[in-house]
Amino acid sequence: MLIISIFLVHYCSSNGRFGGFGGTFAEFSKNTECGYLAVHYFFIIAGFFLAYTFNKNLSVIDFIKKKIIRLWPLILFMTGLYLLTKGLGLIKHFDLYGNVFSLCFLSNSGLTLKWGNIGHDWFISVLFWISIFYFYIFKYFKKSSYNFAISVLVILGYTFLIHVTKGHLWGHIHTTNNIFNWGMWYGISGMGLGYLVHEFYQYLISQPFVNTIKSSIIYTIIEGYLLGFVVYESGFHKMSFDNKFILIVAFVGLFLTFLLKRGFISKLLDNKFSYILGRYTFAMYLTHAFLWVYFYNYWIKAHKDICLLHPYMSVFVCFVLCFVFAVITYHLVEVPAGKYLKRKFFK
């Protein structure tokens, strides 16, 4: 659902410049504006699993290698794809220097003023550096010390972001006072919050709990409400409340209940099919922008009457094409490249 929210906000915001989409679709486009919040949820999830899978015996250098193996191949592939399409005359602009920053995981580090062709890799840049930052803290500092420090970072980070964005929690390449990069603070705050969720989760599962029909029903009601609230307000409704941090709070509650798996909804969604779909999330995130540009050029512009008549069909078709492309990229690029780099880095 998170990647669908991101896809919708990118598709609909881009189609704002396509023009002609009025009526119910125009209203639908406005209602997808909060889809960018899914990136905040991804940071929280990443922080949780960084703590959950933390291995103290792993060196910082080996951790960095693992991150490069996981994140770099698709960035390299997409950069090459943009270069190829520029050579074929299918796109007008290839930002050589901007793409160098992307390949070095610096596209949203505070050291850049704009992105290269892969604008969405700002999230990867932040994820890479903040993951290293927290791994270093976990490895070399005492837990009694960094628990408090991380809590302070989370509070200060979200306080800064809420006020600088006037509650919207949007934007990422921006830098305040020439030093406080918004994207980096999203990573520090979100992944730090994910770590705190991990600690609270460990506490909850250590407590005695008797699973009864009554408790299952209560947890199911909580899961259903939080799931509906987060999905509806994040991707299908333009929230009028001016502080979007309420959605961060709701997502934390949803994430915890799904981790505990004490309600029927979380148990139902904990299946092999969901896991298979989850494998393609990273590829979908990094590749979808490339494909919908061509979808616009070769479908929407060429068949505008059909798109105006059936705008939701265009959204669905574009999403399916992006998903298929992500699946192909995952199996032909992400997995083989990862295996190759593992053999090279970890002989």
C-alpha atoms as a PDB file:
ATOM      1  CA  MET A   1       0.000   0.000   0.000  1.00  0.00           C
ATOM      2  CA  LEU A   2       2.868   2.399   0.731  1.00  0.00           C
ATOM      3  CA  ILE A   3       4.355   2.131  -2.737  1.00  0.00           C
ATOM      4  CA  ILE A   4       0.876   2.641  -4.241  1.00  0.00           C
ATOM      5  CA  SER A   5       0.579   5.910  -2.278  1.00  0.00           C
ATOM      6  CA  ILE A   6       3.947   7.075  -3.617  1.00  0.00           C
ATOM      7  CA  PHE A   7       3.009   6.074  -7.158  1.00  0.00           C
ATOM      8  CA  LEU A   8      -0.308   7.930  -6.962  1.00  0.00           C
ATOM      9  CA  VAL A   9       1.163  11.162  -5.623  1.00  0.00           C
ATOM     10  CA  HIS A  10       3.826  11.152  -8.355  1.00  0.00           C
ATOM     11  CA  TYR A  11       1.390  10.223 -11.114  1.00  0.00           C
ATOM     12  CA  CYS A  12      -1.312  12.689 -10.135  1.00  0.00           C
ATOM     13  CA  SER A  13       1.031  15.580  -9.371  1.00  0.00           C
ATOM     14  CA  SER A  14       2.693  15.075 -12.743  1.00  0.00           C
ATOM     15  CA  ASN A  15      -0.647  14.848 -14.512  1.00  0.00           C
ATOM     16  CA  GLY A  16      -1.412  18.277 -13.131  1.00  0.00           C
ATOM     17  CA  ARG A  17       0.780  19.637 -15.902  1.00  0.00           C
ATOM     18  CA  PHE A  18      -0.772  17.261 -18.447  1.00  0.00           C
ATOM     19  CA  GLY A  19      -3.966  19.308 -18.272  1.00  0.00           C
ATOM     20  CA  GLY A  20      -7.516  18.434 -19.147  1.00  0.00           C
ATOM     21  CA  PHE A  21      -8.256  16.087 -16.263  1.00  0.00           C
ATOM     22  CA  GLY A  22     -11.275  17.621 -14.603  1.00  0.00           C
ATOM     23  CA  GLY A  23     -14.256  16.480 -12.588  1.00  0.00           C
ATOM     24  CA  THR A  24     -13.872  13.576 -10.199  1.00  0.00           C
ATOM     25  CA  PHE A  25     -10.316  12.824 -11.328  1.00  0.00           C
ATOM     26  CA  ALA A  26      -9.193  16.357 -10.473  1.00  0.00           C
ATOM     27  CA  GLU A  27     -10.608  15.859  -6.980  1.00  0.00           C
ATOM     28  CA  PHE A  28      -8.949  12.440  -6.782  1.00  0.00           C
ATOM     29  CA  SER A  29      -5.607  14.005  -7.748  1.00  0.00           C
ATOM     30  CA  LYS A  30      -5.867  16.527  -4.928  1.00  0.00           C
ATOM     31  CA  ASN A  31      -6.727  13.771  -2.471  1.00  0.00           C
ATOM     32  CA  THR A  32      -3.499  11.873  -3.241  1.00  0.00           C
ATOM     33  CA  GLU A  33      -1.281  14.762  -2.150  1.00  0.00           C
ATOM     34  CA  CYS A  34      -0.360  13.176   1.200  1.00  0.00           C
ATOM     35  CA  GLY A  35       1.059  10.081  -0.496  1.00  0.00           C
ATOM     36  CA  TYR A  36       4.579  11.438   0.070  1.00  0.00           C
ATOM     37  CA  LEU A  37       4.165  10.560   3.758  1.00  0.00           C
ATOM     38  CA  ALA A  38       4.744   6.919   2.807  1.00  0.00           C
ATOM     39  CA  VAL A  39       8.469   7.766   2.628  1.00  0.00           C
ATOM     40  CA  HIS A  40       8.326   8.701   6.323  1.00  0.00           C
ATOM     41  CA  TYR A  41       6.779   5.309   7.038  1.00  0.00           C
ATOM     42  CA  PHE A  42       9.576   3.616   5.084  1.00  0.00           C
ATOM     43  CA  PHE A  43      12.156   5.336   7.282  1.00  0.00           C
ATOM     44  CA  ILE A  44      10.390   4.069  10.411  1.00  0.00           C
ATOM     45  CA  ILE A  45      10.296   0.526   9.038  1.00  0.00           C
ATOM     46  CA  ALA A  46      13.984   0.756   8.058  1.00  0.00           C
ATOM     47  CA  GLY A  47      14.942   1.924  11.560  1.00  0.00           C
ATOM     48  CA  PHE A  48      13.025  -0.938  13.136  1.00  0.00           C
ATOM     49  CA  PHE A  49      14.656  -3.617  11.004  1.00  0.00           C
ATOM     50  CA  LEU A  50      18.105  -2.055  11.369  1.00  0.00           C
ATOM     51  CA  ALA A  51      17.765  -2.613  15.118  1.00  0.00           C
ATOM     52  CA  TYR A  52      16.008  -5.975  14.701  1.00  0.00           C
ATOM     53  CA  THR A  53      18.765  -7.438  12.495  1.00  0.00           C
ATOM     54  CA  PHE A  54      21.687  -5.664  14.195  1.00  0.00           C
ATOM     55  CA  ASN A  55      24.770  -7.889  14.445  1.00  0.00           C
ATOM     56  CA  LYS A  56      27.410  -6.529  16.807  1.00  0.00           C
ATOM     57  CA  ASN A  57      30.034  -8.829  15.266  1.00  0.00           C
ATOM     58  CA  LEU A  58      29.621  -7.155  11.876  1.00  0.00           C
ATOM     59  CA  SER A  59      32.210  -4.451  11.227  1.00  0.00           C
ATOM     60  CA  VAL A  60      31.216  -0.989  10.057  1.00  0.00           C
ATOM     61  CA  ILE A  61      33.069  -1.571   6.778  1.00  0.00           C
ATOM     62  CA  ASP A  62      31.191  -4.812   6.142  1.00  0.00           C
ATOM     63  CA  PHE A  63      27.910  -3.097   6.974  1.00  0.00           C
ATOM     64  CA  ILE A  64      28.687  -0.387   4.418  1.00  0.00           C
ATOM     65  CA  LYS A  65      29.498  -3.086   1.865  1.00  0.00           C
ATOM     66  CA  LYS A  66      26.144  -4.741   2.501  1.00  0.00           C
ATOM     67  CA  LYS A  67      24.345  -1.439   2.017  1.00  0.00           C
ATOM     68  CA  ILE A  68      26.191  -0.788  -1.246  1.00  0.00           C
ATOM     69  CA  ILE A  69      25.303  -4.272  -2.491  1.00  0.00           C
ATOM     70  CA  ARG A  70      21.665  -3.710  -1.597  1.00  0.00           C
ATOM     71  CA  LEU A  71      21.197  -0.175  -2.917  1.00  0.00           C
ATOM     72  CA  TRP A  72      23.793   0.632  -5.570  1.00  0.00           C
ATOM     73  CA  PRO A  73      23.078  -1.791  -8.471  1.00  0.00           C
ATOM     74  CA  LEU A  74      19.653  -0.348  -9.292  1.00  0.00           C
ATOM     75  CA  ILE A  75      20.920   3.230  -9.106  1.00  0.00           C
ATOM     76  CA  LEU A  76      23.698   2.315 -11.530  1.00  0.00           C
ATOM     77  CA  PHE A  77      21.214   0.513 -13.787  1.00  0.00           C
ATOM     78  CA  MET A  78      18.790   3.444 -13.867  1.00  0.00           C
ATOM     79  CA  THR A  79      21.621   5.906 -14.528  1.00  0.00           C
ATOM     80  CA  GLY A  80      22.726   3.754 -17.453  1.00  0.00           C
ATOM     81  CA  LEU A  81      19.155   3.544 -18.694  1.00  0.00           C
ATOM     82  CA  TYR A  82      18.786   7.327 -18.682  1.00  0.00           C
ATOM     83  CA  LEU A  83      22.130   7.640 -20.502  1.00  0.00           C
ATOM     84  CA  LEU A  84      21.000   5.107 -23.120  1.00  0.00           C
ATOM     85  CA  THR A  85      17.670   6.851 -23.717  1.00  0.00           C
ATOM     86  CA  LYS A  86      19.500  10.180 -24.007  1.00  0.00           C
ATOM     87  CA  GLY A  87      21.758   8.639 -26.657  1.00  0.00           C
ATOM     88  CA  LEU A  88      18.709   7.355 -28.517  1.00  0.00           C
ATOM     89  CA  GLY A  89      17.128  10.794 -28.402  1.00  0.00           C
ATOM     90  CA  LEU A  90      14.199   9.666 -26.243  1.00  0.00           C
ATOM     91  CA  ILE A  91      14.939  12.178 -23.491  1.00  0.00           C
ATOM     92  CA  LYS A  92      16.333  15.689 -23.831  1.00  0.00           C
ATOM     93  CA  HIS A  93      18.433  16.002 -20.706  1.00  0.00           C
ATOM     94  CA  PHE A  94      21.026  13.813 -18.985  1.00  0.00           C
ATOM     95  CA  ASP A  95      22.520  15.473 -15.895  1.00  0.00           C
ATOM     96  CA  LEU A  96      26.037  14.015 -15.843  1.00  0.00           C
ATOM     97  CA  TYR A  97      27.271  15.714 -12.681  1.00  0.00           C
ATOM     98  CA  GLY A  98      23.975  15.292 -10.854  1.00  0.00           C
ATOM     99  CA  ASN A  99      24.030  11.581 -11.621  1.00  0.00           C
ATOM    100  CA  VAL A 100      27.581  11.309 -10.258  1.00  0.00           C
ATOM    101  CA  PHE A 101      26.235  12.578  -6.930  1.00  0.00           C
ATOM    102  CA  SER A 102      23.484   9.950  -7.139  1.00  0.00           C
ATOM    103  CA  LEU A 103      25.986   7.154  -7.733  1.00  0.00           C
ATOM    104  CA  CYS A 104      27.904   8.305  -4.648  1.00  0.00           C
ATOM    105  CA  PHE A 105      24.736   8.358  -2.484  1.00  0.00           C
ATOM    106  CA  LEU A 106      25.000  12.137  -2.184  1.00  0.00           C
ATOM    107  CA  SER A 107      21.884  13.266  -4.026  1.00  0.00           C
ATOM    108  CA  ASN A 108      20.197  14.492  -0.839  1.00  0.00           C
ATOM    109  CA  SER A 109      23.088  14.741   1.593  1.00  0.00           C
ATOM    110  CA  GLY A 110      23.022  18.502   1.975  1.00  0.00           C
ATOM    111  CA  LEU A 111      26.028  18.726  -0.355  1.00  0.00           C
ATOM    112  CA  THR A 112      23.900  19.140  -3.470  1.00  0.00           C
ATOM    113  CA  LEU A 113      21.597  21.822  -4.849  1.00  0.00           C
ATOM    114  CA  LYS A 114      19.564  19.619  -7.192  1.00  0.00           C
ATOM    115  CA  TRP A 115      19.124  15.989  -8.208  1.00  0.00           C
ATOM    116  CA  GLY A 116      20.243  14.081 -11.268  1.00  0.00           C
ATOM    117  CA  ASN A 117      17.810  12.201 -13.496  1.00  0.00           C
ATOM    118  CA  ILE A 118      16.748   9.816 -10.713  1.00  0.00           C
ATOM    119  CA  GLY A 119      15.008  12.326  -8.497  1.00  0.00           C
ATOM    120  CA  HIS A 120      13.448   9.708  -6.220  1.00  0.00           C
ATOM    121  CA  ASP A 121      16.819   8.365  -5.120  1.00  0.00           C
ATOM    122  CA  TRP A 122      16.999  11.174  -2.549  1.00  0.00           C
ATOM    123  CA  PHE A 123      15.443   8.624  -0.171  1.00  0.00           C
ATOM    124  CA  ILE A 124      18.222   6.115  -0.942  1.00  0.00           C
ATOM    125  CA  SER A 125      20.879   8.738  -0.264  1.00  0.00           C
ATOM    126  CA  VAL A 126      19.421   9.555   3.149  1.00  0.00           C
ATOM    127  CA  LEU A 127      18.782   5.889   3.985  1.00  0.00           C
ATOM    128  CA  PHE A 128      22.391   4.954   3.201  1.00  0.00           C
ATOM    129  CA  TRP A 129      24.069   7.564   5.405  1.00  0.00           C
ATOM    130  CA  ILE A 130      21.629   7.503   8.307  1.00  0.00           C
ATOM    131  CA  SER A 131      21.760   3.683   8.424  1.00  0.00           C
ATOM    132  CA  ILE A 132      25.545   3.914   8.812  1.00  0.00           C
ATOM    133  CA  PHE A 133      25.120   6.605  11.458  1.00  0.00           C
ATOM    134  CA  TYR A 134      22.801   4.471  13.593  1.00  0.00           C
ATOM    135  CA  PHE A 135      24.766   1.268  13.032  1.00  0.00           C
ATOM    136  CA  TYR A 136      27.876   3.034  14.315  1.00  0.00           C
ATOM    137  CA  ILE A 137      25.985   4.187  17.412  1.00  0.00           C
ATOM    138  CA  PHE A 138      24.631   0.684  18.079  1.00  0.00           C
ATOM    139  CA  LYS A 139      28.082  -0.844  17.726  1.00  0.00           C
ATOM    140  CA  TYR A 140      30.307   1.507  19.696  1.00  0.00           C
ATOM    141  CA  PHE A 141      28.078   3.081  22.359  1.00  0.00           C
ATOM    142  CA  LYS A 142      26.321   1.659  25.383  1.00  0.00           C
ATOM    143  CA  LYS A 143      22.595   1.118  25.051  1.00  0.00           C
ATOM    144  CA  SER A 144      21.896   2.996  28.262  1.00  0.00           C
ATOM    145  CA  SER A 145      23.533   6.051  26.706  1.00  0.00           C
ATOM    146  CA  TYR A 146      22.188   6.006  23.170  1.00  0.00           C
ATOM    147  CA  ASN A 147      18.571   5.252  24.128  1.00  0.00           C
ATOM    148  CA  PHE A 148      18.303   8.714  25.612  1.00  0.00           C
ATOM    149  CA  ALA A 149      20.330  10.328  22.815  1.00  0.00           C
ATOM    150  CA  ILE A 150      18.176   8.777  20.082  1.00  0.00           C
ATOM    151  CA  SER A 151      14.990   9.828  21.882  1.00  0.00           C
ATOM    152  CA  VAL A 152      16.271  13.414  21.971  1.00  0.00           C
ATOM    153  CA  LEU A 153      17.219  13.278  18.270  1.00  0.00           C
ATOM    154  CA  VAL A 154      13.750  12.036  17.343  1.00  0.00           C
ATOM    155  CA  ILE A 155      11.986  14.765  19.332  1.00  0.00           C
ATOM    156  CA  LEU A 156      14.271  17.558  18.118  1.00  0.00           C
ATOM    157  CA  GLY A 157      14.169  16.273  14.547  1.00  0.00           C
ATOM    158  CA  TYR A 158      10.409  16.089  14.237  1.00  0.00           C
ATOM    159  CA  THR A 159      10.011  19.405  16.080  1.00  0.00           C
ATOM    160  CA  PHE A 160      12.318  21.060  13.553  1.00  0.00           C
ATOM    161  CA  LEU A 161      10.584  19.439  10.579  1.00  0.00           C
ATOM    162  CA  ILE A 162       7.048  20.170  11.750  1.00  0.00           C
ATOM    163  CA  HIS A 163       7.803  23.863  12.198  1.00  0.00           C
ATOM    164  CA  VAL A 164       9.989  24.380   9.137  1.00  0.00           C
ATOM    165  CA  THR A 165       7.392  22.687   6.896  1.00  0.00           C
ATOM    166  CA  LYS A 166       4.429  24.225   8.747  1.00  0.00           C
ATOM    167  CA  GLY A 167       3.146  20.790   9.660  1.00  0.00           C
ATOM    168  CA  HIS A 168       3.137  19.316   6.143  1.00  0.00           C
ATOM    169  CA  LEU A 169       6.353  17.268   6.471  1.00  0.00           C
ATOM    170  CA  TRP A 170       7.062  17.691   2.759  1.00  0.00           C
ATOM    171  CA  GLY A 171      10.267  18.606   0.893  1.00  0.00           C
ATOM    172  CA  HIS A 172      13.679  17.040   1.341  1.00  0.00           C
ATOM    173  CA  ILE A 173      16.517  18.652  -0.606  1.00  0.00           C
ATOM    174  CA  HIS A 174      15.909  21.967   1.184  1.00  0.00           C
ATOM    175  CA  THR A 175      18.448  23.136   3.733  1.00  0.00           C
ATOM    176  CA  THR A 176      17.717  25.560   6.565  1.00  0.00           C
ATOM    177  CA  ASN A 177      20.441  27.952   7.761  1.00  0.00           C
ATOM    178  CA  ASN A 178      22.785  26.346   5.214  1.00  0.00           C
ATOM    179  CA  ILE A 179      23.324  23.266   7.413  1.00  0.00           C
ATOM    180  CA  PHE A 180      20.058  21.574   8.491  1.00  0.00           C
ATOM    181  CA  ASN A 181      19.103  19.416   5.521  1.00  0.00           C
ATOM    182  CA  TRP A 182      15.440  18.401   5.666  1.00  0.00           C
ATOM    183  CA  GLY A 183      15.933  15.016   4.022  1.00  0.00           C
ATOM    184  CA  MET A 184      18.670  14.024   6.454  1.00  0.00           C
ATOM    185  CA  TRP A 185      16.456  14.998   9.378  1.00  0.00           C
ATOM    186  CA  TYR A 186      13.654  12.883   7.936  1.00  0.00           C
ATOM    187  CA  GLY A 187      16.051   9.946   8.061  1.00  0.00           C
ATOM    188  CA  ILE A 188      17.409  10.718  11.529  1.00  0.00           C
ATOM    189  CA  SER A 189      13.931  11.233  12.987  1.00  0.00           C
ATOM    190  CA  GLY A 190      12.182   8.396  11.149  1.00  0.00           C
ATOM    191  CA  MET A 191      14.841   5.734  11.632  1.00  0.00           C
ATOM    192  CA  GLY A 192      15.337   6.837  15.229  1.00  0.00           C
ATOM    193  CA  LEU A 193      11.606   6.458  15.795  1.00  0.00           C
ATOM    194  CA  GLY A 194      11.783   3.035  14.157  1.00  0.00           C
ATOM    195  CA  TYR A 195      14.472   2.069  16.682  1.00  0.00           C
ATOM    196  CA  LEU A 196      12.257   3.226  19.575  1.00  0.00           C
ATOM    197  CA  VAL A 197       9.380   1.174  18.118  1.00  0.00           C
ATOM    198  CA  HIS A 198      11.727  -1.830  18.125  1.00  0.00           C
ATOM    199  CA  GLU A 199      12.568  -1.316  21.795  1.00  0.00           C
ATOM    200  CA  PHE A 200       8.905  -0.984  22.745  1.00  0.00           C
ATOM    201  CA  TYR A 201       8.047  -4.052  20.662  1.00  0.00           C
ATOM    202  CA  GLN A 202      10.725  -6.089  22.453  1.00  0.00           C
ATOM    203  CA  TYR A 203       9.262  -4.966  25.758  1.00  0.00           C
ATOM    204  CA  LEU A 204       5.711  -5.907  24.760  1.00  0.00           C
ATOM    205  CA  ILE A 205       6.586  -9.410  23.573  1.00  0.00           C
ATOM    206  CA  SER A 206       8.535 -10.022  26.793  1.00  0.00           C
ATOM    207  CA  GLN A 207       5.347  -9.489  28.831  1.00  0.00           C
ATOM    208  CA  PRO A 208       2.931 -12.357  29.500  1.00  0.00           C
ATOM    209  CA  PHE A 209      -0.053 -12.325  27.162  1.00  0.00           C
ATOM    210  CA  VAL A 210      -2.987 -14.706  26.826  1.00  0.00           C
ATOM    211  CA  ASN A 211      -4.535 -14.695  23.371  1.00  0.00           C
ATOM    212  CA  THR A 212      -8.315 -14.961  23.704  1.00  0.00           C
ATOM    213  CA  ILE A 213     -11.209 -14.376  21.323  1.00  0.00           C
ATOM    214  CA  LYS A 214     -11.977 -11.119  23.111  1.00  0.00           C
ATOM    215  CA  SER A 215      -8.392  -9.830  22.833  1.00  0.00           C
ATOM    216  CA  SER A 216      -8.250 -10.862  19.162  1.00  0.00           C
ATOM    217  CA  ILE A 217     -11.438  -8.919  18.424  1.00  0.00           C
ATOM    218  CA  ILE A 218     -10.160  -5.832  20.269  1.00  0.00           C
ATOM    219  CA  TYR A 219      -6.829  -5.941  18.411  1.00  0.00           C
ATOM    220  CA  THR A 220      -8.659  -6.475  15.105  1.00  0.00           C
ATOM    221  CA  ILE A 221     -10.782  -3.374  15.703  1.00  0.00           C
ATOM    222  CA  ILE A 222      -7.640  -1.345  16.495  1.00  0.00           C
ATOM    223  CA  GLU A 223      -5.854  -2.724  13.408  1.00  0.00           C
ATOM    224  CA  GLY A 224      -8.824  -2.000  11.166  1.00  0.00           C
ATOM    225  CA  TYR A 225      -9.260   1.546  12.380  1.00  0.00           C
ATOM    226  CA  LEU A 226      -5.557   2.437  12.158  1.00  0.00           C
ATOM    227  CA  LEU A 227      -5.173   0.757   8.756  1.00  0.00           C
ATOM    228  CA  GLY A 228      -8.183   2.574   7.359  1.00  0.00           C
ATOM    229  CA  PHE A 229      -7.095   5.888   8.836  1.00  0.00           C
ATOM    230  CA  VAL A 230      -3.494   5.693   7.570  1.00  0.00           C
ATOM    231  CA  VAL A 231      -4.393   4.448   4.073  1.00  0.00           C
ATOM    232  CA  TYR A 232      -7.315   6.816   3.584  1.00  0.00           C
ATOM    233  CA  GLU A 233      -5.646   9.961   4.949  1.00  0.00           C
ATOM    234  CA  SER A 234      -2.228   9.233   3.413  1.00  0.00           C
ATOM    235  CA  GLY A 235      -3.291   8.375  -0.104  1.00  0.00           C
ATOM    236  CA  PHE A 236      -6.967   8.929  -0.830  1.00  0.00           C
ATOM    237  CA  HIS A 237      -8.055  12.013   1.054  1.00  0.00           C
ATOM    238  CA  LYS A 238      -6.650  15.507   1.417  1.00  0.00           C
ATOM    239  CA  MET A 239      -6.447  15.913   5.187  1.00  0.00           C
ATOM    240  CA  SER A 240      -7.562  19.338   6.374  1.00  0.00           C
ATOM    241  CA  PHE A 241      -5.723  19.060   9.696  1.00  0.00           C
ATOM    242  CA  ASP A 242      -2.551  21.136   9.322  1.00  0.00           C
ATOM    243  CA  ASN A 243      -0.171  18.884  11.281  1.00  0.00           C
ATOM    244  CA  LYS A 244       0.544  15.695   9.345  1.00  0.00           C
ATOM    245  CA  PHE A 245       2.553  14.302  12.273  1.00  0.00           C
ATOM    246  CA  ILE A 246      -0.737  12.774  13.433  1.00  0.00           C
ATOM    247  CA  LEU A 247      -0.311  10.288  10.577  1.00  0.00           C
ATOM    248  CA  ILE A 248       3.184   9.380  11.807  1.00  0.00           C
ATOM    249  CA  VAL A 249       1.661   8.608  15.216  1.00  0.00           C
ATOM    250  CA  ALA A 250      -1.108   6.528  13.629  1.00  0.00           C
ATOM    251  CA  PHE A 251       1.371   4.602  11.485  1.00  0.00           C
ATOM    252  CA  VAL A 252       3.516   3.766  14.530  1.00  0.00           C
ATOM    253  CA  GLY A 253       0.428   2.322  16.206  1.00  0.00           C
ATOM    254  CA  LEU A 254      -0.467   0.364  13.061  1.00  0.00           C
ATOM    255  CA  PHE A 255       3.070  -0.920  12.644  1.00  0.00           C
ATOM    256  CA  LEU A 256       3.192  -2.113  16.265  1.00  0.00           C
ATOM    257  CA  THR A 257      -0.111  -3.944  16.046  1.00  0.00           C
ATOM    258  CA  PHE A 258       0.968  -5.636  12.825  1.00  0.00           C
ATOM    259  CA  LEU A 259       4.263  -6.667  14.428  1.00  0.00           C
ATOM    260  CA  LEU A 260       2.456  -8.192  17.398  1.00  0.00           C
ATOM    261  CA  LYS A 261       0.062 -10.111  15.111  1.00  0.00           C
ATOM    262  CA  ARG A 262      -2.651 -10.396  17.731  1.00  0.00           C
ATOM    263  CA  GLY A 263      -5.549  -9.343  15.502  1.00  0.00           C
ATOM    264  CA  PHE A 264      -7.134 -11.127  12.552  1.00  0.00           C
ATOM    265  CA  ILE A 265      -6.117  -8.502   9.966  1.00  0.00           C
ATOM    266  CA  SER A 266      -2.382  -8.702  10.748  1.00  0.00           C
ATOM    267  CA  LYS A 267      -2.548 -12.500  10.706  1.00  0.00           C
ATOM    268  CA  LEU A 268      -4.407 -12.464   7.398  1.00  0.00           C
ATOM    269  CA  LEU A 269      -1.821 -10.175   5.784  1.00  0.00           C
ATOM    270  CA  ASP A 270       1.096 -12.221   7.127  1.00  0.00           C
ATOM    271  CA  ASN A 271       1.325 -14.577   4.159  1.00  0.00           C
ATOM    272  CA  LYS A 272       3.706 -15.666   1.445  1.00  0.00           C
ATOM    273  CA  PHE A 273       1.976 -13.605  -1.242  1.00  0.00           C
ATOM    274  CA  SER A 274       2.509 -10.377   0.726  1.00  0.00           C
ATOM    275  CA  TYR A 275       6.151 -11.286   1.163  1.00  0.00           C
ATOM    276  CA  ILE A 276       6.568 -11.865  -2.581  1.00  0.00           C
ATOM    277  CA  LEU A 277       5.007  -8.485  -3.387  1.00  0.00           C
ATOM    278  CA  GLY A 278       7.254  -6.833  -0.810  1.00  0.00           C
ATOM    279  CA  ARG A 279      10.367  -8.003  -2.643  1.00  0.00           C
ATOM    280  CA  TYR A 280       9.572  -5.699  -5.546  1.00  0.00           C
ATOM    281  CA  THR A 281       9.015  -2.553  -3.470  1.00  0.00           C
ATOM    282  CA  PHE A 282      12.522  -1.138  -3.846  1.00  0.00           C
ATOM    283  CA  ALA A 283      12.616  -1.732  -7.614  1.00  0.00           C
ATOM    284  CA  MET A 284       9.131  -0.250  -7.982  1.00  0.00           C
ATOM    285  CA  TYR A 285      10.125   2.837  -6.027  1.00  0.00           C
ATOM    286  CA  LEU A 286      13.281   3.492  -8.010  1.00  0.00           C
ATOM    287  CA  THR A 287      12.021   2.706 -11.521  1.00  0.00           C
ATOM    288  CA  HIS A 288       8.411   3.904 -11.708  1.00  0.00           C
ATOM    289  CA  ALA A 289       9.246   7.558 -12.486  1.00  0.00           C
ATOM    290  CA  PHE A 290      11.232   6.505 -15.555  1.00  0.00           C
ATOM    291  CA  LEU A 291       8.327   4.532 -16.958  1.00  0.00           C
ATOM    292  CA  TRP A 292       5.482   6.963 -16.363  1.00  0.00           C
ATOM    293  CA  VAL A 293       7.309   9.682 -18.307  1.00  0.00           C
ATOM    294  CA  TYR A 294       7.188   7.444 -21.364  1.00  0.00           C
ATOM    295  CA  PHE A 295       3.639   6.453 -20.554  1.00  0.00           C
ATOM    296  CA  TYR A 296       2.748  10.136 -20.731  1.00  0.00           C
ATOM    297  CA  ASN A 297       4.671  10.778 -23.955  1.00  0.00           C
ATOM    298  CA  TYR A 298       3.496   7.716 -25.849  1.00  0.00           C
ATOM    299  CA  TRP A 299       0.047   7.074 -24.405  1.00  0.00           C
ATOM    300  CA  ILE A 300      -1.532  10.089 -22.692  1.00  0.00           C
ATOM    301  CA  LYS A 301      -0.409  12.612 -25.321  1.00  0.00           C
ATOM    302  CA  ALA A 302      -1.247  10.268 -28.188  1.00  0.00           C
ATOM    303  CA  HIS A 303      -4.618   9.135 -26.780  1.00  0.00           C
ATOM    304  CA  LYS A 304      -5.722  12.104 -24.734  1.00  0.00           C
ATOM    305  CA  ASP A 305      -9.406  11.668 -25.557  1.00  0.00           C
ATOM    306  CA  ILE A 306      -9.389   8.123 -24.188  1.00  0.00           C
ATOM    307  CA  CYS A 307      -7.493   9.243 -21.076  1.00  0.00           C
ATOM    308  CA  LEU A 308      -9.945  12.052 -20.435  1.00  0.00           C
ATOM    309  CA  LEU A 309     -12.829   9.624 -20.802  1.00  0.00           C
ATOM    310  CA  HIS A 310     -11.229   6.901 -18.653  1.00  0.00           C
ATOM    311  CA  PRO A 311      -8.647   8.597 -16.360  1.00  0.00           C
ATOM    312  CA  TYR A 312      -8.717   5.849 -13.732  1.00  0.00           C
ATOM    313  CA  MET A 313      -8.030   3.237 -16.375  1.00  0.00           C
ATOM    314  CA  SER A 314      -4.904   5.207 -17.348  1.00  0.00           C
ATOM    315  CA  VAL A 315      -3.742   5.190 -13.728  1.00  0.00           C
ATOM    316  CA  PHE A 316      -4.324   1.438 -13.463  1.00  0.00           C
ATOM    317  CA  VAL A 317      -2.590   0.623 -16.752  1.00  0.00           C
ATOM    318  CA  CYS A 318       0.394   2.799 -15.855  1.00  0.00           C
ATOM    319  CA  PHE A 319       0.695   1.159 -12.430  1.00  0.00           C
ATOM    320  CA  VAL A 320       0.572  -2.337 -13.932  1.00  0.00           C
ATOM    321  CA  LEU A 321       3.269  -1.436 -16.471  1.00  0.00           C
ATOM    322  CA  CYS A 322       5.467   0.047 -13.733  1.00  0.00           C
ATOM    323  CA  PHE A 323       4.979  -3.028 -11.571  1.00  0.00           C
ATOM    324  CA  VAL A 324       5.838  -5.403 -14.425  1.00  0.00           C
ATOM    325  CA  PHE A 325       8.945  -3.351 -15.192  1.00  0.00           C
ATOM    326  CA  ALA A 326       9.903  -3.487 -11.494  1.00  0.00           C
ATOM    327  CA  VAL A 327       9.495  -7.278 -11.416  1.00  0.00           C
ATOM    328  CA  ILE A 328      11.675  -7.661 -14.514  1.00  0.00           C
ATOM    329  CA  THR A 329      14.292  -5.282 -13.084  1.00  0.00           C
ATOM    330  CA  TYR A 330      14.304  -7.144  -9.787  1.00  0.00           C
ATOM    331  CA  HIS A 331      14.957 -10.536 -11.375  1.00  0.00           C
ATOM    332  CA  LEU A 332      17.308  -9.420 -14.162  1.00  0.00           C
ATOM    333  CA  VAL A 333      19.265  -6.679 -12.397  1.00  0.00           C
ATOM    334  CA  GLU A 334      18.784  -6.409  -8.640  1.00  0.00           C
ATOM    335  CA  VAL A 335      19.160 -10.085  -7.697  1.00  0.00           C
ATOM    336  CA  PRO A 336      21.976 -11.074 -10.124  1.00  0.00           C
ATOM    337  CA  ALA A 337      23.955  -7.883  -9.369  1.00  0.00           C
ATOM    338  CA  GLY A 338      23.537  -8.450  -5.642  1.00  0.00           C
ATOM    339  CA  LYS A 339      24.853 -12.004  -5.899  1.00  0.00           C
ATOM    340  CA  TYR A 340      27.802 -10.893  -8.023  1.00  0.00           C
ATOM    341  CA  LEU A 341      28.786  -8.110  -5.629  1.00  0.00           C
ATOM    342  CA  LYS A 342      28.481 -10.428  -2.633  1.00  0.00           C
ATOM    343  CA  ARG A 343      30.978 -12.788  -4.230  1.00  0.00           C
ATOM    344  CA  LYS A 344      33.348  -9.864  -4.859  1.00  0.00           C
ATOM    345  CA  PHE A 345      32.979  -8.130  -1.499  1.00  0.00           C
ATOM    346  CA  PHE A 346      32.677 -11.207   0.739  1.00  0.00           C
ATOM    347  CA  LYS A 347      34.988 -13.857  -0.622  1.00  0.00           C
END
